């Protein structure tokens, strides 16, 4: 799903609640930019990493956990 479509299909409160449940801190200047952080707007990172590793482009060395989003 594109970020534009994600913004149309989710609301501010759902996105904030989802980030809070994952213990991710959110700081934004304008509420309208929060739509870009909807989880449905991103590809599955595990699938992407597996594909890149399988293609021989990179090697898995660590898995990072996001702790914050700062926008604006």
C-alpha atoms as a PDB file:
ATOM      1  CA  UNK A   1       0.000   0.000   0.000  1.00  0.00           C
ATOM      2  CA  UNK A   2       1.294   3.475  -0.799  1.00  0.00           C
ATOM      3  CA  UNK A   3       1.792   6.065   1.898  1.00  0.00           C
ATOM      4  CA  UNK A   4      -0.939   8.182   0.332  1.00  0.00           C
ATOM      5  CA  UNK A   5      -3.424   5.302   0.492  1.00  0.00           C
ATOM      6  CA  UNK A   6      -2.286   4.431   4.030  1.00  0.00           C
ATOM      7  CA  UNK A   7      -3.068   7.993   5.088  1.00  0.00           C
ATOM      8  CA  UNK A   8      -6.518   7.738   3.534  1.00  0.00           C
ATOM      9  CA  UNK A   9      -7.253   4.390   5.209  1.00  0.00           C
ATOM     10  CA  UNK A  10      -6.002   5.100   8.732  1.00  0.00           C
ATOM     11  CA  UNK A  11      -6.463   7.886  11.199  1.00  0.00           C
ATOM     12  CA  UNK A  12      -4.155   9.777  13.520  1.00  0.00           C
ATOM     13  CA  UNK A  13      -5.251   7.971  16.663  1.00  0.00           C
ATOM     14  CA  UNK A  14      -4.775   4.483  15.201  1.00  0.00           C
ATOM     15  CA  UNK A  15      -1.225   5.309  14.087  1.00  0.00           C
ATOM     16  CA  UNK A  16      -0.273   6.838  17.430  1.00  0.00           C
ATOM     17  CA  UNK A  17      -1.788   3.892  19.323  1.00  0.00           C
ATOM     18  CA  UNK A  18       0.105   1.400  17.127  1.00  0.00           C
ATOM     19  CA  UNK A  19       3.424   3.168  17.736  1.00  0.00           C
ATOM     20  CA  UNK A  20       2.772   3.401  21.488  1.00  0.00           C
ATOM     21  CA  UNK A  21       2.020  -0.344  21.646  1.00  0.00           C
ATOM     22  CA  UNK A  22       5.452  -0.948  20.112  1.00  0.00           C
ATOM     23  CA  UNK A  23       7.093   1.446  22.620  1.00  0.00           C
ATOM     24  CA  UNK A  24       8.082   3.844  19.816  1.00  0.00           C
ATOM     25  CA  UNK A  25       8.294   7.508  20.828  1.00  0.00           C
ATOM     26  CA  UNK A  26       6.651   9.965  18.406  1.00  0.00           C
ATOM     27  CA  UNK A  27       7.432  13.673  18.089  1.00  0.00           C
ATOM     28  CA  UNK A  28       5.900  15.660  15.231  1.00  0.00           C
ATOM     29  CA  UNK A  29       5.511  19.317  14.411  1.00  0.00           C
ATOM     30  CA  UNK A  30       2.322  18.835  12.378  1.00  0.00           C
ATOM     31  CA  UNK A  31      -0.291  16.141  12.892  1.00  0.00           C
ATOM     32  CA  UNK A  32      -0.734  15.655   9.121  1.00  0.00           C
ATOM     33  CA  UNK A  33       2.747  14.112   8.793  1.00  0.00           C
ATOM     34  CA  UNK A  34       1.867  11.212  11.113  1.00  0.00           C
ATOM     35  CA  UNK A  35       0.108   9.377   8.278  1.00  0.00           C
ATOM     36  CA  UNK A  36       3.500   8.627   6.753  1.00  0.00           C
ATOM     37  CA  UNK A  37       4.269   6.430   9.781  1.00  0.00           C
ATOM     38  CA  UNK A  38       1.333   4.064   9.296  1.00  0.00           C
ATOM     39  CA  UNK A  39       2.735   0.551   9.479  1.00  0.00           C
ATOM     40  CA  UNK A  40       0.674  -0.505   6.444  1.00  0.00           C
ATOM     41  CA  UNK A  41       2.620   2.036   4.349  1.00  0.00           C
ATOM     42  CA  UNK A  42       5.840   0.019   4.677  1.00  0.00           C
ATOM     43  CA  UNK A  43       6.977  -3.253   3.179  1.00  0.00           C
ATOM     44  CA  UNK A  44       7.718  -6.129   5.553  1.00  0.00           C
ATOM     45  CA  UNK A  45      11.357  -5.547   6.533  1.00  0.00           C
ATOM     46  CA  UNK A  46      12.002  -9.233   7.227  1.00  0.00           C
ATOM     47  CA  UNK A  47      11.001 -10.125   3.667  1.00  0.00           C
ATOM     48  CA  UNK A  48      13.191  -7.361   2.227  1.00  0.00           C
ATOM     49  CA  UNK A  49      16.223  -8.402   4.272  1.00  0.00           C
ATOM     50  CA  UNK A  50      15.755 -12.056   3.277  1.00  0.00           C
ATOM     51  CA  UNK A  51      15.566 -11.114  -0.415  1.00  0.00           C
ATOM     52  CA  UNK A  52      18.641  -8.897  -0.249  1.00  0.00           C
ATOM     53  CA  UNK A  53      20.616 -11.557   1.618  1.00  0.00           C
ATOM     54  CA  UNK A  54      19.424 -14.270  -0.757  1.00  0.00           C
ATOM     55  CA  UNK A  55      20.604 -12.195  -3.720  1.00  0.00           C
ATOM     56  CA  UNK A  56      24.060 -11.991  -2.156  1.00  0.00           C
ATOM     57  CA  UNK A  57      23.921  -8.207  -1.820  1.00  0.00           C
ATOM     58  CA  UNK A  58      24.315  -8.193   1.955  1.00  0.00           C
ATOM     59  CA  UNK A  59      24.545 -10.372   5.026  1.00  0.00           C
ATOM     60  CA  UNK A  60      22.407 -10.263   8.176  1.00  0.00           C
ATOM     61  CA  UNK A  61      24.458  -9.091  11.141  1.00  0.00           C
ATOM     62  CA  UNK A  62      21.955  -7.478  13.529  1.00  0.00           C
ATOM     63  CA  UNK A  63      18.273  -6.678  13.971  1.00  0.00           C
ATOM     64  CA  UNK A  64      17.508  -3.165  15.161  1.00  0.00           C
ATOM     65  CA  UNK A  65      14.402  -2.065  17.053  1.00  0.00           C
ATOM     66  CA  UNK A  66      13.019   1.414  16.359  1.00  0.00           C
ATOM     67  CA  UNK A  67      12.716   3.605  19.437  1.00  0.00           C
ATOM     68  CA  UNK A  68      11.492   6.899  18.016  1.00  0.00           C
ATOM     69  CA  UNK A  69      10.140   8.951  15.147  1.00  0.00           C
ATOM     70  CA  UNK A  70      10.900  12.660  14.831  1.00  0.00           C
ATOM     71  CA  UNK A  71       9.249  14.608  12.010  1.00  0.00           C
ATOM     72  CA  UNK A  72       9.352  18.265  11.141  1.00  0.00           C
END
